[in-house]
Amino acid sequence: MDVRKVLEDLRAYKTQLDQAIAVFDRLARNRGKRGRPAGKESARRPVSPEARKRMAAAQRKRWAAARMKIDKS
């Protein structure tokens, strides 16, 4: 068994491992940077009672249309 050949193979394998580790390091660092920032609450706009009634009426209309579609089939 040639010791030099074994060392050369081990160094090549070490290089591959180092590259794979670098890829996983980049993935781990970027993992937390997606989506909404942590701890930041979204500012919800207040809805007036009149607007809430309009939204409710529109939703009831959509539900009625969906029920009519089911009843016809």
C-alpha atoms as a PDB file:
ATOM      1  CA  MET A   1       0.000   0.000   0.000  1.00  0.00           C
ATOM      2  CA  ASP A   2       1.426   3.308  -1.074  1.00  0.00           C
ATOM      3  CA  VAL A   3       1.343   5.825   1.808  1.00  0.00           C
ATOM      4  CA  ARG A   4       1.595   8.786  -0.537  1.00  0.00           C
ATOM      5  CA  LYS A   5      -1.452   7.645  -2.500  1.00  0.00           C
ATOM      6  CA  VAL A   6      -3.431   7.222   0.732  1.00  0.00           C
ATOM      7  CA  LEU A   7      -2.426  10.721   1.889  1.00  0.00           C
ATOM      8  CA  GLU A   8      -3.391  12.184  -1.487  1.00  0.00           C
ATOM      9  CA  ASP A   9      -6.805  10.479  -1.361  1.00  0.00           C
ATOM     10  CA  LEU A  10      -7.373  11.623   2.227  1.00  0.00           C
ATOM     11  CA  ARG A  11      -6.493  15.218   1.345  1.00  0.00           C
ATOM     12  CA  ALA A  12      -8.868  15.138  -1.632  1.00  0.00           C
ATOM     13  CA  TYR A  13     -11.615  13.754   0.627  1.00  0.00           C
ATOM     14  CA  LYS A  14     -10.865  16.447   3.224  1.00  0.00           C
ATOM     15  CA  THR A  15     -11.250  19.119   0.530  1.00  0.00           C
ATOM     16  CA  GLN A  16     -14.649  17.710  -0.427  1.00  0.00           C
ATOM     17  CA  LEU A  17     -15.720  17.657   3.211  1.00  0.00           C
ATOM     18  CA  ASP A  18     -14.559  21.248   3.715  1.00  0.00           C
ATOM     19  CA  GLN A  19     -16.619  22.351   0.715  1.00  0.00           C
ATOM     20  CA  ALA A  20     -19.695  20.514   1.980  1.00  0.00           C
ATOM     21  CA  ILE A  21     -19.276  22.049   5.438  1.00  0.00           C
ATOM     22  CA  ALA A  22     -19.002  25.511   3.879  1.00  0.00           C
ATOM     23  CA  VAL A  23     -22.266  24.972   1.996  1.00  0.00           C
ATOM     24  CA  PHE A  24     -24.071  23.905   5.171  1.00  0.00           C
ATOM     25  CA  ASP A  25     -22.602  26.854   7.071  1.00  0.00           C
ATOM     26  CA  ARG A  26     -24.017  29.259   4.476  1.00  0.00           C
ATOM     27  CA  LEU A  27     -27.405  27.551   4.634  1.00  0.00           C
ATOM     28  CA  ALA A  28     -27.439  27.708   8.432  1.00  0.00           C
ATOM     29  CA  ARG A  29     -26.528  31.405   8.476  1.00  0.00           C
ATOM     30  CA  ASN A  30     -29.189  32.336   5.914  1.00  0.00           C
ATOM     31  CA  ARG A  31     -31.881  30.196   7.509  1.00  0.00           C
ATOM     32  CA  GLY A  32     -33.153  32.832   9.929  1.00  0.00           C
ATOM     33  CA  LYS A  33     -33.243  35.670   7.390  1.00  0.00           C
ATOM     34  CA  ARG A  34     -36.397  34.625   5.566  1.00  0.00           C
ATOM     35  CA  GLY A  35     -39.857  35.932   6.285  1.00  0.00           C
ATOM     36  CA  ARG A  36     -40.982  38.551   8.721  1.00  0.00           C
ATOM     37  CA  PRO A  37     -38.385  39.935  11.143  1.00  0.00           C
ATOM     38  CA  ALA A  38     -38.610  38.336  14.564  1.00  0.00           C
ATOM     39  CA  GLY A  39     -40.310  40.349  17.263  1.00  0.00           C
ATOM     40  CA  LYS A  40     -41.883  42.855  14.902  1.00  0.00           C
ATOM     41  CA  GLU A  41     -45.647  42.956  15.227  1.00  0.00           C
ATOM     42  CA  SER A  42     -47.633  43.744  12.121  1.00  0.00           C
ATOM     43  CA  ALA A  43     -49.550  46.985  12.390  1.00  0.00           C
ATOM     44  CA  ARG A  44     -53.196  46.084  11.909  1.00  0.00           C
ATOM     45  CA  ARG A  45     -55.397  48.855  10.674  1.00  0.00           C
ATOM     46  CA  PRO A  46     -58.557  49.394  12.671  1.00  0.00           C
ATOM     47  CA  VAL A  47     -61.806  48.624  10.891  1.00  0.00           C
ATOM     48  CA  SER A  48     -64.791  50.825  11.508  1.00  0.00           C
ATOM     49  CA  PRO A  49     -68.096  49.219  12.542  1.00  0.00           C
ATOM     50  CA  GLU A  50     -69.648  50.303   9.222  1.00  0.00           C
ATOM     51  CA  ALA A  51     -66.851  48.684   7.245  1.00  0.00           C
ATOM     52  CA  ARG A  52     -67.166  45.534   9.352  1.00  0.00           C
ATOM     53  CA  LYS A  53     -70.894  45.382   8.512  1.00  0.00           C
ATOM     54  CA  ARG A  54     -70.147  45.792   4.800  1.00  0.00           C
ATOM     55  CA  MET A  55     -67.548  43.018   4.949  1.00  0.00           C
ATOM     56  CA  ALA A  56     -69.996  40.738   6.792  1.00  0.00           C
ATOM     57  CA  ALA A  57     -72.713  41.412   4.211  1.00  0.00           C
ATOM     58  CA  ALA A  58     -70.314  40.704   1.356  1.00  0.00           C
ATOM     59  CA  GLN A  59     -69.245  37.437   2.992  1.00  0.00           C
ATOM     60  CA  ARG A  60     -72.866  36.373   3.543  1.00  0.00           C
ATOM     61  CA  LYS A  61     -73.480  37.085  -0.162  1.00  0.00           C
ATOM     62  CA  ARG A  62     -70.490  34.889  -1.099  1.00  0.00           C
ATOM     63  CA  TRP A  63     -71.725  32.097   1.176  1.00  0.00           C
ATOM     64  CA  ALA A  64     -75.213  32.300  -0.341  1.00  0.00           C
ATOM     65  CA  ALA A  65     -73.758  32.093  -3.844  1.00  0.00           C
ATOM     66  CA  ALA A  66     -71.697  29.068  -2.845  1.00  0.00           C
ATOM     67  CA  ARG A  67     -74.768  27.372  -1.321  1.00  0.00           C
ATOM     68  CA  MET A  68     -76.770  28.065  -4.491  1.00  0.00           C
ATOM     69  CA  LYS A  69     -74.011  26.518  -6.580  1.00  0.00           C
ATOM     70  CA  ILE A  70     -74.020  23.379  -4.372  1.00  0.00           C
ATOM     71  CA  ASP A  71     -77.840  23.142  -4.452  1.00  0.00           C
ATOM     72  CA  LYS A  72     -77.898  23.307  -8.270  1.00  0.00           C
ATOM     73  CA  SER A  73     -75.483  20.413  -8.679  1.00  0.00           C
END
